[in-house]
Amino acid sequence: MTKENPVTIYSLSTCSHCKSTKKMLSECTIKYEFVDVDLLEGDERKAILADVKKFNPKCSFPTIIIGDKVIVGFKEKEIKEALGL
């Protein structure tokens, strides 16, 4: 069903677009990992934000990594295309 690309979401626990992204992936039975950046502290938070900036210099959320593709924001059509749905 999907191209077996790992899916990672950098999100904020309070972000409605981030919640919508996670909900859509769950409904499509896509396995994904996520990091709620706002719940991290100190060096761990700095390290994750540095990672996010590599993919998305504006550091906005959600930042979704599907294989080697980066999608910023809840763009359902783009996300589904990247997943081969």
PDB file of N, CA and C in Angstrom:
ATOM      1  N   MET A   1       0.829  -1.208   0.000  1.00  0.00           N
ATOM      2  CA  MET A   1       0.000   0.000   0.000  1.00  0.00           C
ATOM      3  C   MET A   1       0.861   1.255   0.000  1.00  0.00           C
ATOM      4  N   THR A   2       1.917   1.285   0.799  1.00  0.00           N
ATOM      5  CA  THR A   2       2.801   2.452   0.779  1.00  0.00           C
ATOM      6  C   THR A   2       4.182   2.014   0.317  1.00  0.00           C
ATOM      7  N   LYS A   3       5.028   2.975   0.104  1.00  0.00           N
ATOM      8  CA  LYS A   3       6.366   2.698  -0.400  1.00  0.00           C
ATOM      9  C   LYS A   3       7.359   2.393   0.712  1.00  0.00           C
ATOM     10  N   GLU A   4       6.878   2.028   1.889  1.00  0.00           N
ATOM     11  CA  GLU A   4       7.746   1.666   3.009  1.00  0.00           C
ATOM     12  C   GLU A   4       8.803   2.734   3.300  1.00  0.00           C
ATOM     13  N   ASN A   5       8.432   3.969   3.142  1.00  0.00           N
ATOM     14  CA  ASN A   5       9.314   5.063   3.539  1.00  0.00           C
ATOM     15  C   ASN A   5       9.034   5.386   4.993  1.00  0.00           C
ATOM     16  N   PRO A   6      10.091   5.607   5.773  1.00  0.00           N
ATOM     17  CA  PRO A   6       9.823   6.009   7.160  1.00  0.00           C
ATOM     18  C   PRO A   6       9.162   7.389   7.187  1.00  0.00           C
ATOM     19  N   VAL A   7       8.213   7.557   8.102  1.00  0.00           N
ATOM     20  CA  VAL A   7       7.490   8.821   8.227  1.00  0.00           C
ATOM     21  C   VAL A   7       7.781   9.400   9.610  1.00  0.00           C
ATOM     22  N   THR A   8       8.274  10.631   9.630  1.00  0.00           N
ATOM     23  CA  THR A   8       8.534  11.327  10.884  1.00  0.00           C
ATOM     24  C   THR A   8       7.838  12.676  10.836  1.00  0.00           C
ATOM     25  N   ILE A   9       7.186  13.027  11.938  1.00  0.00           N
ATOM     26  CA  ILE A   9       6.517  14.326  12.038  1.00  0.00           C
ATOM     27  C   ILE A   9       7.128  15.100  13.190  1.00  0.00           C
ATOM     28  N   TYR A  10       7.596  16.294  12.897  1.00  0.00           N
ATOM     29  CA  TYR A  10       8.003  17.235  13.945  1.00  0.00           C
ATOM     30  C   TYR A  10       6.803  18.134  14.166  1.00  0.00           C
ATOM     31  N   SER A  11       6.274  18.112  15.391  1.00  0.00           N
ATOM     32  CA  SER A  11       5.012  18.797  15.647  1.00  0.00           C
ATOM     33  C   SER A  11       5.031  19.547  16.973  1.00  0.00           C
ATOM     34  N   LEU A  12       3.935  20.247  17.213  1.00  0.00           N
ATOM     35  CA  LEU A  12       3.693  20.896  18.508  1.00  0.00           C
ATOM     36  C   LEU A  12       2.449  20.261  19.096  1.00  0.00           C
ATOM     37  N   SER A  13       2.446  20.032  20.396  1.00  0.00           N
ATOM     38  CA  SER A  13       1.315  19.342  21.026  1.00  0.00           C
ATOM     39  C   SER A  13       0.015  20.146  20.932  1.00  0.00           C
ATOM     40  N   THR A  14       0.129  21.464  20.738  1.00  0.00           N
ATOM     41  CA  THR A  14      -1.046  22.337  20.721  1.00  0.00           C
ATOM     42  C   THR A  14      -1.499  22.717  19.313  1.00  0.00           C
ATOM     43  N   CYS A  15      -0.816  22.214  18.292  1.00  0.00           N
ATOM     44  CA  CYS A  15      -1.040  22.652  16.905  1.00  0.00           C
ATOM     45  C   CYS A  15      -2.158  21.849  16.237  1.00  0.00           C
ATOM     46  N   SER A  16      -3.196  22.539  15.765  1.00  0.00           N
ATOM     47  CA  SER A  16      -4.332  21.841  15.131  1.00  0.00           C
ATOM     48  C   SER A  16      -3.918  21.174  13.817  1.00  0.00           C
ATOM     49  N   HIS A  17      -3.027  21.801  13.059  1.00  0.00           N
ATOM     50  CA  HIS A  17      -2.570  21.199  11.798  1.00  0.00           C
ATOM     51  C   HIS A  17      -1.769  19.931  12.071  1.00  0.00           C
ATOM     52  N   CYS A  18      -0.993  19.947  13.160  1.00  0.00           N
ATOM     53  CA  CYS A  18      -0.211  18.763  13.541  1.00  0.00           C
ATOM     54  C   CYS A  18      -1.147  17.627  13.919  1.00  0.00           C
ATOM     55  N   LYS A  19      -2.193  17.940  14.679  1.00  0.00           N
ATOM     56  CA  LYS A  19      -3.174  16.921  15.087  1.00  0.00           C
ATOM     57  C   LYS A  19      -3.885  16.356  13.860  1.00  0.00           C
ATOM     58  N   SER A  20      -4.232  17.220  12.914  1.00  0.00           N
ATOM     59  CA  SER A  20      -4.907  16.769  11.691  1.00  0.00           C
ATOM     60  C   SER A  20      -4.008  15.825  10.894  1.00  0.00           C
ATOM     61  N   THR A  21      -2.721  16.143  10.844  1.00  0.00           N
ATOM     62  CA  THR A  21      -1.766  15.298  10.115  1.00  0.00           C
ATOM     63  C   THR A  21      -1.692  13.918  10.754  1.00  0.00           C
ATOM     64  N   LYS A  22      -1.541  13.872  12.071  1.00  0.00           N
ATOM     65  CA  LYS A  22      -1.454  12.587  12.781  1.00  0.00           C
ATOM     66  C   LYS A  22      -2.740  11.781  12.601  1.00  0.00           C
ATOM     67  N   LYS A  23      -3.886  12.467  12.683  1.00  0.00           N
ATOM     68  CA  LYS A  23      -5.186  11.795  12.540  1.00  0.00           C
ATOM     69  C   LYS A  23      -5.310  11.182  11.143  1.00  0.00           C
ATOM     70  N   MET A  24      -4.939  11.949  10.117  1.00  0.00           N
ATOM     71  CA  MET A  24      -5.037  11.457   8.747  1.00  0.00           C
ATOM     72  C   MET A  24      -4.140  10.230   8.557  1.00  0.00           C
ATOM     73  N   LEU A  25      -2.909  10.281   9.049  1.00  0.00           N
ATOM     74  CA  LEU A  25      -2.004   9.144   8.895  1.00  0.00           C
ATOM     75  C   LEU A  25      -2.547   7.916   9.627  1.00  0.00           C
ATOM     76  N   SER A  26      -3.092   8.130  10.819  1.00  0.00           N
ATOM     77  CA  SER A  26      -3.669   7.014  11.582  1.00  0.00           C
ATOM     78  C   SER A  26      -4.851   6.401  10.839  1.00  0.00           C
ATOM     79  N   GLU A  27      -5.700   7.256  10.265  1.00  0.00           N
ATOM     80  CA  GLU A  27      -6.858   6.772   9.510  1.00  0.00           C
ATOM     81  C   GLU A  27      -6.433   5.986   8.272  1.00  0.00           C
ATOM     82  N   CYS A  28      -5.286   6.341   7.712  1.00  0.00           N
ATOM     83  CA  CYS A  28      -4.761   5.626   6.532  1.00  0.00           C
ATOM     84  C   CYS A  28      -3.889   4.438   6.959  1.00  0.00           C
ATOM     85  N   THR A  29      -3.858   4.151   8.245  1.00  0.00           N
ATOM     86  CA  THR A  29      -3.047   3.082   8.844  1.00  0.00           C
ATOM     87  C   THR A  29      -1.572   3.170   8.446  1.00  0.00           C
ATOM     88  N   ILE A  30      -1.059   4.391   8.438  1.00  0.00           N
ATOM     89  CA  ILE A  30       0.354   4.622   8.160  1.00  0.00           C
ATOM     90  C   ILE A  30       1.083   4.677   9.502  1.00  0.00           C
ATOM     91  N   LYS A  31       2.157   3.901   9.619  1.00  0.00           N
ATOM     92  CA  LYS A  31       2.962   3.975  10.837  1.00  0.00           C
ATOM     93  C   LYS A  31       3.868   5.189  10.734  1.00  0.00           C
ATOM     94  N   TYR A  32       3.967   5.933  11.819  1.00  0.00           N
ATOM     95  CA  TYR A  32       4.811   7.120  11.818  1.00  0.00           C
ATOM     96  C   TYR A  32       5.377   7.358  13.208  1.00  0.00           C
ATOM     97  N   GLU A  33       6.474   8.098  13.225  1.00  0.00           N
ATOM     98  CA  GLU A  33       7.042   8.539  14.490  1.00  0.00           C
ATOM     99  C   GLU A  33       6.822  10.039  14.552  1.00  0.00           C
ATOM    100  N   PHE A  34       6.670  10.553  15.768  1.00  0.00           N
ATOM    101  CA  PHE A  34       6.525  11.998  15.889  1.00  0.00           C
ATOM    102  C   PHE A  34       7.244  12.501  17.128  1.00  0.00           C
ATOM    103  N   VAL A  35       7.585  13.779  17.061  1.00  0.00           N
ATOM    104  CA  VAL A  35       8.203  14.456  18.193  1.00  0.00           C
ATOM    105  C   VAL A  35       7.410  15.731  18.430  1.00  0.00           C
ATOM    106  N   ASP A  36       6.816  15.859  19.615  1.00  0.00           N
ATOM    107  CA  ASP A  36       6.168  17.111  19.997  1.00  0.00           C
ATOM    108  C   ASP A  36       7.252  18.019  20.574  1.00  0.00           C
ATOM    109  N   VAL A  37       7.772  18.898  19.720  1.00  0.00           N
ATOM    110  CA  VAL A  37       8.943  19.703  20.058  1.00  0.00           C
ATOM    111  C   VAL A  37       8.708  20.584  21.288  1.00  0.00           C
ATOM    112  N   ASP A  38       7.480  21.093  21.438  1.00  0.00           N
ATOM    113  CA  ASP A  38       7.206  21.994  22.569  1.00  0.00           C
ATOM    114  C   ASP A  38       7.233  21.272  23.923  1.00  0.00           C
ATOM    115  N   LEU A  39       7.225  19.944  23.913  1.00  0.00           N
ATOM    116  CA  LEU A  39       7.262  19.198  25.176  1.00  0.00           C
ATOM    117  C   LEU A  39       8.685  18.821  25.588  1.00  0.00           C
ATOM    118  N   LEU A  40       9.640  19.103  24.696  1.00  0.00           N
ATOM    119  CA  LEU A  40      11.045  18.823  25.010  1.00  0.00           C
ATOM    120  C   LEU A  40      11.646  19.999  25.771  1.00  0.00           C
ATOM    121  N   GLU A  41      12.770  19.730  26.440  1.00  0.00           N
ATOM    122  CA  GLU A  41      13.438  20.804  27.184  1.00  0.00           C
ATOM    123  C   GLU A  41      14.937  20.770  26.942  1.00  0.00           C
ATOM    124  N   GLY A  42      15.570  21.902  27.176  1.00  0.00           N
ATOM    125  CA  GLY A  42      17.025  21.991  27.200  1.00  0.00           C
ATOM    126  C   GLY A  42      17.712  21.526  25.932  1.00  0.00           C
ATOM    127  N   ASP A  43      18.784  20.738  26.122  1.00  0.00           N
ATOM    128  CA  ASP A  43      19.616  20.302  25.000  1.00  0.00           C
ATOM    129  C   ASP A  43      18.853  19.421  24.015  1.00  0.00           C
ATOM    130  N   GLU A  44      17.948  18.601  24.533  1.00  0.00           N
ATOM    131  CA  GLU A  44      17.164  17.732  23.653  1.00  0.00           C
ATOM    132  C   GLU A  44      16.334  18.582  22.693  1.00  0.00           C
ATOM    133  N   ARG A  45      15.709  19.626  23.222  1.00  0.00           N
ATOM    134  CA  ARG A  45      14.905  20.533  22.394  1.00  0.00           C
ATOM    135  C   ARG A  45      15.782  21.243  21.359  1.00  0.00           C
ATOM    136  N   LYS A  46      16.941  21.736  21.797  1.00  0.00           N
ATOM    137  CA  LYS A  46      17.860  22.426  20.863  1.00  0.00           C
ATOM    138  C   LYS A  46      18.284  21.495  19.735  1.00  0.00           C
ATOM    139  N   ALA A  47      18.597  20.244  20.074  1.00  0.00           N
ATOM    140  CA  ALA A  47      19.051  19.275  19.073  1.00  0.00           C
ATOM    141  C   ALA A  47      17.952  18.989  18.054  1.00  0.00           C
ATOM    142  N   ILE A  48      16.727  18.800  18.527  1.00  0.00           N
ATOM    143  CA  ILE A  48      15.608  18.518  17.618  1.00  0.00           C
ATOM    144  C   ILE A  48      15.318  19.734  16.735  1.00  0.00           C
ATOM    145  N   LEU A  49      15.347  20.937  17.324  1.00  0.00           N
ATOM    146  CA  LEU A  49      15.111  22.146  16.523  1.00  0.00           C
ATOM    147  C   LEU A  49      16.189  22.306  15.450  1.00  0.00           C
ATOM    148  N   ALA A  50      17.423  21.935  15.764  1.00  0.00           N
ATOM    149  CA  ALA A  50      18.500  21.986  14.763  1.00  0.00           C
ATOM    150  C   ALA A  50      18.189  21.013  13.628  1.00  0.00           C
ATOM    151  N   ASP A  51      17.660  19.826  13.969  1.00  0.00           N
ATOM    152  CA  ASP A  51      17.262  18.853  12.941  1.00  0.00           C
ATOM    153  C   ASP A  51      16.146  19.409  12.066  1.00  0.00           C
ATOM    154  N   VAL A  52      15.132  20.000  12.711  1.00  0.00           N
ATOM    155  CA  VAL A  52      13.990  20.555  11.973  1.00  0.00           C
ATOM    156  C   VAL A  52      14.481  21.619  10.989  1.00  0.00           C
ATOM    157  N   LYS A  53      15.394  22.479  11.433  1.00  0.00           N
ATOM    158  CA  LYS A  53      15.895  23.568  10.574  1.00  0.00           C
ATOM    159  C   LYS A  53      16.625  23.044   9.346  1.00  0.00           C
ATOM    160  N   LYS A  54      17.217  21.851   9.431  1.00  0.00           N
ATOM    161  CA  LYS A  54      17.877  21.253   8.261  1.00  0.00           C
ATOM    162  C   LYS A  54      16.848  20.964   7.174  1.00  0.00           C
ATOM    163  N   PHE A  55      15.666  20.520   7.589  1.00  0.00           N
ATOM    164  CA  PHE A  55      14.605  20.179   6.643  1.00  0.00           C
ATOM    165  C   PHE A  55      13.766  21.393   6.274  1.00  0.00           C
ATOM    166  N   ASN A  56      13.574  22.289   7.245  1.00  0.00           N
ATOM    167  CA  ASN A  56      12.649  23.413   7.105  1.00  0.00           C
ATOM    168  C   ASN A  56      13.245  24.622   7.830  1.00  0.00           C
ATOM    169  N   PRO A  57      14.009  25.455   7.098  1.00  0.00           N
ATOM    170  CA  PRO A  57      14.690  26.588   7.731  1.00  0.00           C
ATOM    171  C   PRO A  57      13.765  27.531   8.507  1.00  0.00           C
ATOM    172  N   LYS A  58      12.481  27.591   8.127  1.00  0.00           N
ATOM    173  CA  LYS A  58      11.546  28.470   8.853  1.00  0.00           C
ATOM    174  C   LYS A  58      11.138  27.865  10.196  1.00  0.00           C
ATOM    175  N   CYS A  59      11.408  26.569  10.353  1.00  0.00           N
ATOM    176  CA  CYS A  59      11.114  25.873  11.603  1.00  0.00           C
ATOM    177  C   CYS A  59       9.631  25.993  11.982  1.00  0.00           C
ATOM    178  N   SER A  60       8.770  25.775  10.993  1.00  0.00           N
ATOM    179  CA  SER A  60       7.332  25.817  11.248  1.00  0.00           C
ATOM    180  C   SER A  60       6.805  24.387  11.349  1.00  0.00           C
ATOM    181  N   PHE A  61       5.589  24.259  11.853  1.00  0.00           N
ATOM    182  CA  PHE A  61       5.052  22.927  12.143  1.00  0.00           C
ATOM    183  C   PHE A  61       3.670  22.736  11.523  1.00  0.00           C
ATOM    184  N   PRO A  62       3.311  21.518  11.159  1.00  0.00           N
ATOM    185  CA  PRO A  62       4.161  20.329  11.220  1.00  0.00           C
ATOM    186  C   PRO A  62       5.180  20.297  10.086  1.00  0.00           C
ATOM    187  N   THR A  63       6.328  19.731  10.374  1.00  0.00           N
ATOM    188  CA  THR A  63       7.320  19.411   9.357  1.00  0.00           C
ATOM    189  C   THR A  63       7.288  17.891   9.240  1.00  0.00           C
ATOM    190  N   ILE A  64       6.928  17.407   8.060  1.00  0.00           N
ATOM    191  CA  ILE A  64       6.715  15.979   7.842  1.00  0.00           C
ATOM    192  C   ILE A  64       7.800  15.455   6.903  1.00  0.00           C
ATOM    193  N   ILE A  65       8.473  14.402   7.336  1.00  0.00           N
ATOM    194  CA  ILE A  65       9.510  13.786   6.518  1.00  0.00           C
ATOM    195  C   ILE A  65       8.992  12.419   6.092  1.00  0.00           C
ATOM    196  N   ILE A  66       8.883  12.219   4.788  1.00  0.00           N
ATOM    197  CA  ILE A  66       8.441  10.930   4.239  1.00  0.00           C
ATOM    198  C   ILE A  66       9.556  10.460   3.308  1.00  0.00           C
ATOM    199  N   GLY A  67      10.346   9.500   3.781  1.00  0.00           N
ATOM    200  CA  GLY A  67      11.513   9.074   3.016  1.00  0.00           C
ATOM    201  C   GLY A  67      12.458  10.254   2.896  1.00  0.00           C
ATOM    202  N   ASP A  68      12.714  10.700   1.661  1.00  0.00           N
ATOM    203  CA  ASP A  68      13.590  11.869   1.480  1.00  0.00           C
ATOM    204  C   ASP A  68      12.794  13.114   1.081  1.00  0.00           C
ATOM    205  N   LYS A  69      11.478  13.046   1.195  1.00  0.00           N
ATOM    206  CA  LYS A  69      10.617  14.193   0.857  1.00  0.00           C
ATOM    207  C   LYS A  69      10.215  14.944   2.122  1.00  0.00           C
ATOM    208  N   VAL A  70      10.247  16.260   2.040  1.00  0.00           N
ATOM    209  CA  VAL A  70       9.861  17.104   3.172  1.00  0.00           C
ATOM    210  C   VAL A  70       8.597  17.869   2.801  1.00  0.00           C
ATOM    211  N   ILE A  71       7.586  17.781   3.665  1.00  0.00           N
ATOM    212  CA  ILE A  71       6.338  18.519   3.463  1.00  0.00           C
ATOM    213  C   ILE A  71       6.123  19.376   4.708  1.00  0.00           C
ATOM    214  N   VAL A  72       5.911  20.659   4.489  1.00  0.00           N
ATOM    215  CA  VAL A  72       5.683  21.573   5.616  1.00  0.00           C
ATOM    216  C   VAL A  72       4.214  21.961   5.622  1.00  0.00           C
ATOM    217  N   GLY A  73       3.552  21.708   6.748  1.00  0.00           N
ATOM    218  CA  GLY A  73       2.137  22.022   6.865  1.00  0.00           C
ATOM    219  C   GLY A  73       1.271  20.815   6.564  1.00  0.00           C
ATOM    220  N   PHE A  74      -0.009  20.937   6.881  1.00  0.00           N
ATOM    221  CA  PHE A  74      -0.955  19.849   6.646  1.00  0.00           C
ATOM    222  C   PHE A  74      -1.470  19.963   5.220  1.00  0.00           C
ATOM    223  N   LYS A  75      -0.757  19.311   4.298  1.00  0.00           N
ATOM    224  CA  LYS A  75      -1.130  19.318   2.880  1.00  0.00           C
ATOM    225  C   LYS A  75      -1.538  17.892   2.527  1.00  0.00           C
ATOM    226  N   GLU A  76      -2.796  17.595   2.785  1.00  0.00           N
ATOM    227  CA  GLU A  76      -3.297  16.216   2.682  1.00  0.00           C
ATOM    228  C   GLU A  76      -2.973  15.566   1.345  1.00  0.00           C
ATOM    229  N   LYS A  77      -3.231  16.270   0.248  1.00  0.00           N
ATOM    230  CA  LYS A  77      -3.011  15.701  -1.088  1.00  0.00           C
ATOM    231  C   LYS A  77      -1.528  15.368  -1.291  1.00  0.00           C
ATOM    232  N   GLU A  78      -0.661  16.312  -0.915  1.00  0.00           N
ATOM    233  CA  GLU A  78       0.785  16.126  -1.071  1.00  0.00           C
ATOM    234  C   GLU A  78       1.287  14.956  -0.209  1.00  0.00           C
ATOM    235  N   ILE A  79       0.771  14.876   1.016  1.00  0.00           N
ATOM    236  CA  ILE A  79       1.181  13.804   1.928  1.00  0.00           C
ATOM    237  C   ILE A  79       0.765  12.449   1.361  1.00  0.00           C
ATOM    238  N   LYS A  80      -0.478  12.366   0.891  1.00  0.00           N
ATOM    239  CA  LYS A  80      -0.970  11.100   0.331  1.00  0.00           C
ATOM    240  C   LYS A  80      -0.183  10.708  -0.924  1.00  0.00           C
ATOM    241  N   GLU A  81       0.161  11.681  -1.752  1.00  0.00           N
ATOM    242  CA  GLU A  81       0.956  11.392  -2.951  1.00  0.00           C
ATOM    243  C   GLU A  81       2.330  10.857  -2.553  1.00  0.00           C
ATOM    244  N   ALA A  82       2.950  11.498  -1.546  1.00  0.00           N
ATOM    245  CA  ALA A  82       4.277  11.061  -1.099  1.00  0.00           C
ATOM    246  C   ALA A  82       4.234   9.652  -0.528  1.00  0.00           C
ATOM    247  N   LEU A  83       3.090   9.271   0.029  1.00  0.00           N
ATOM    248  CA  LEU A  83       2.917   7.939   0.601  1.00  0.00           C
ATOM    249  C   LEU A  83       2.453   6.917  -0.435  1.00  0.00           C
ATOM    250  N   GLY A  84       2.131   7.401  -1.616  1.00  0.00           N
ATOM    251  CA  GLY A  84       1.651   6.498  -2.671  1.00  0.00           C
ATOM    252  C   GLY A  84       0.226   6.016  -2.421  1.00  0.00           C
ATOM    253  N   LEU A  85      -0.585   6.853  -1.774  1.00  0.00           N
ATOM    254  CA  LEU A  85      -1.978   6.474  -1.484  1.00  0.00           C
ATOM    255  C   LEU A  85      -2.918   6.951  -2.590  1.00  0.00           C
TER     256      LEU A  85
END
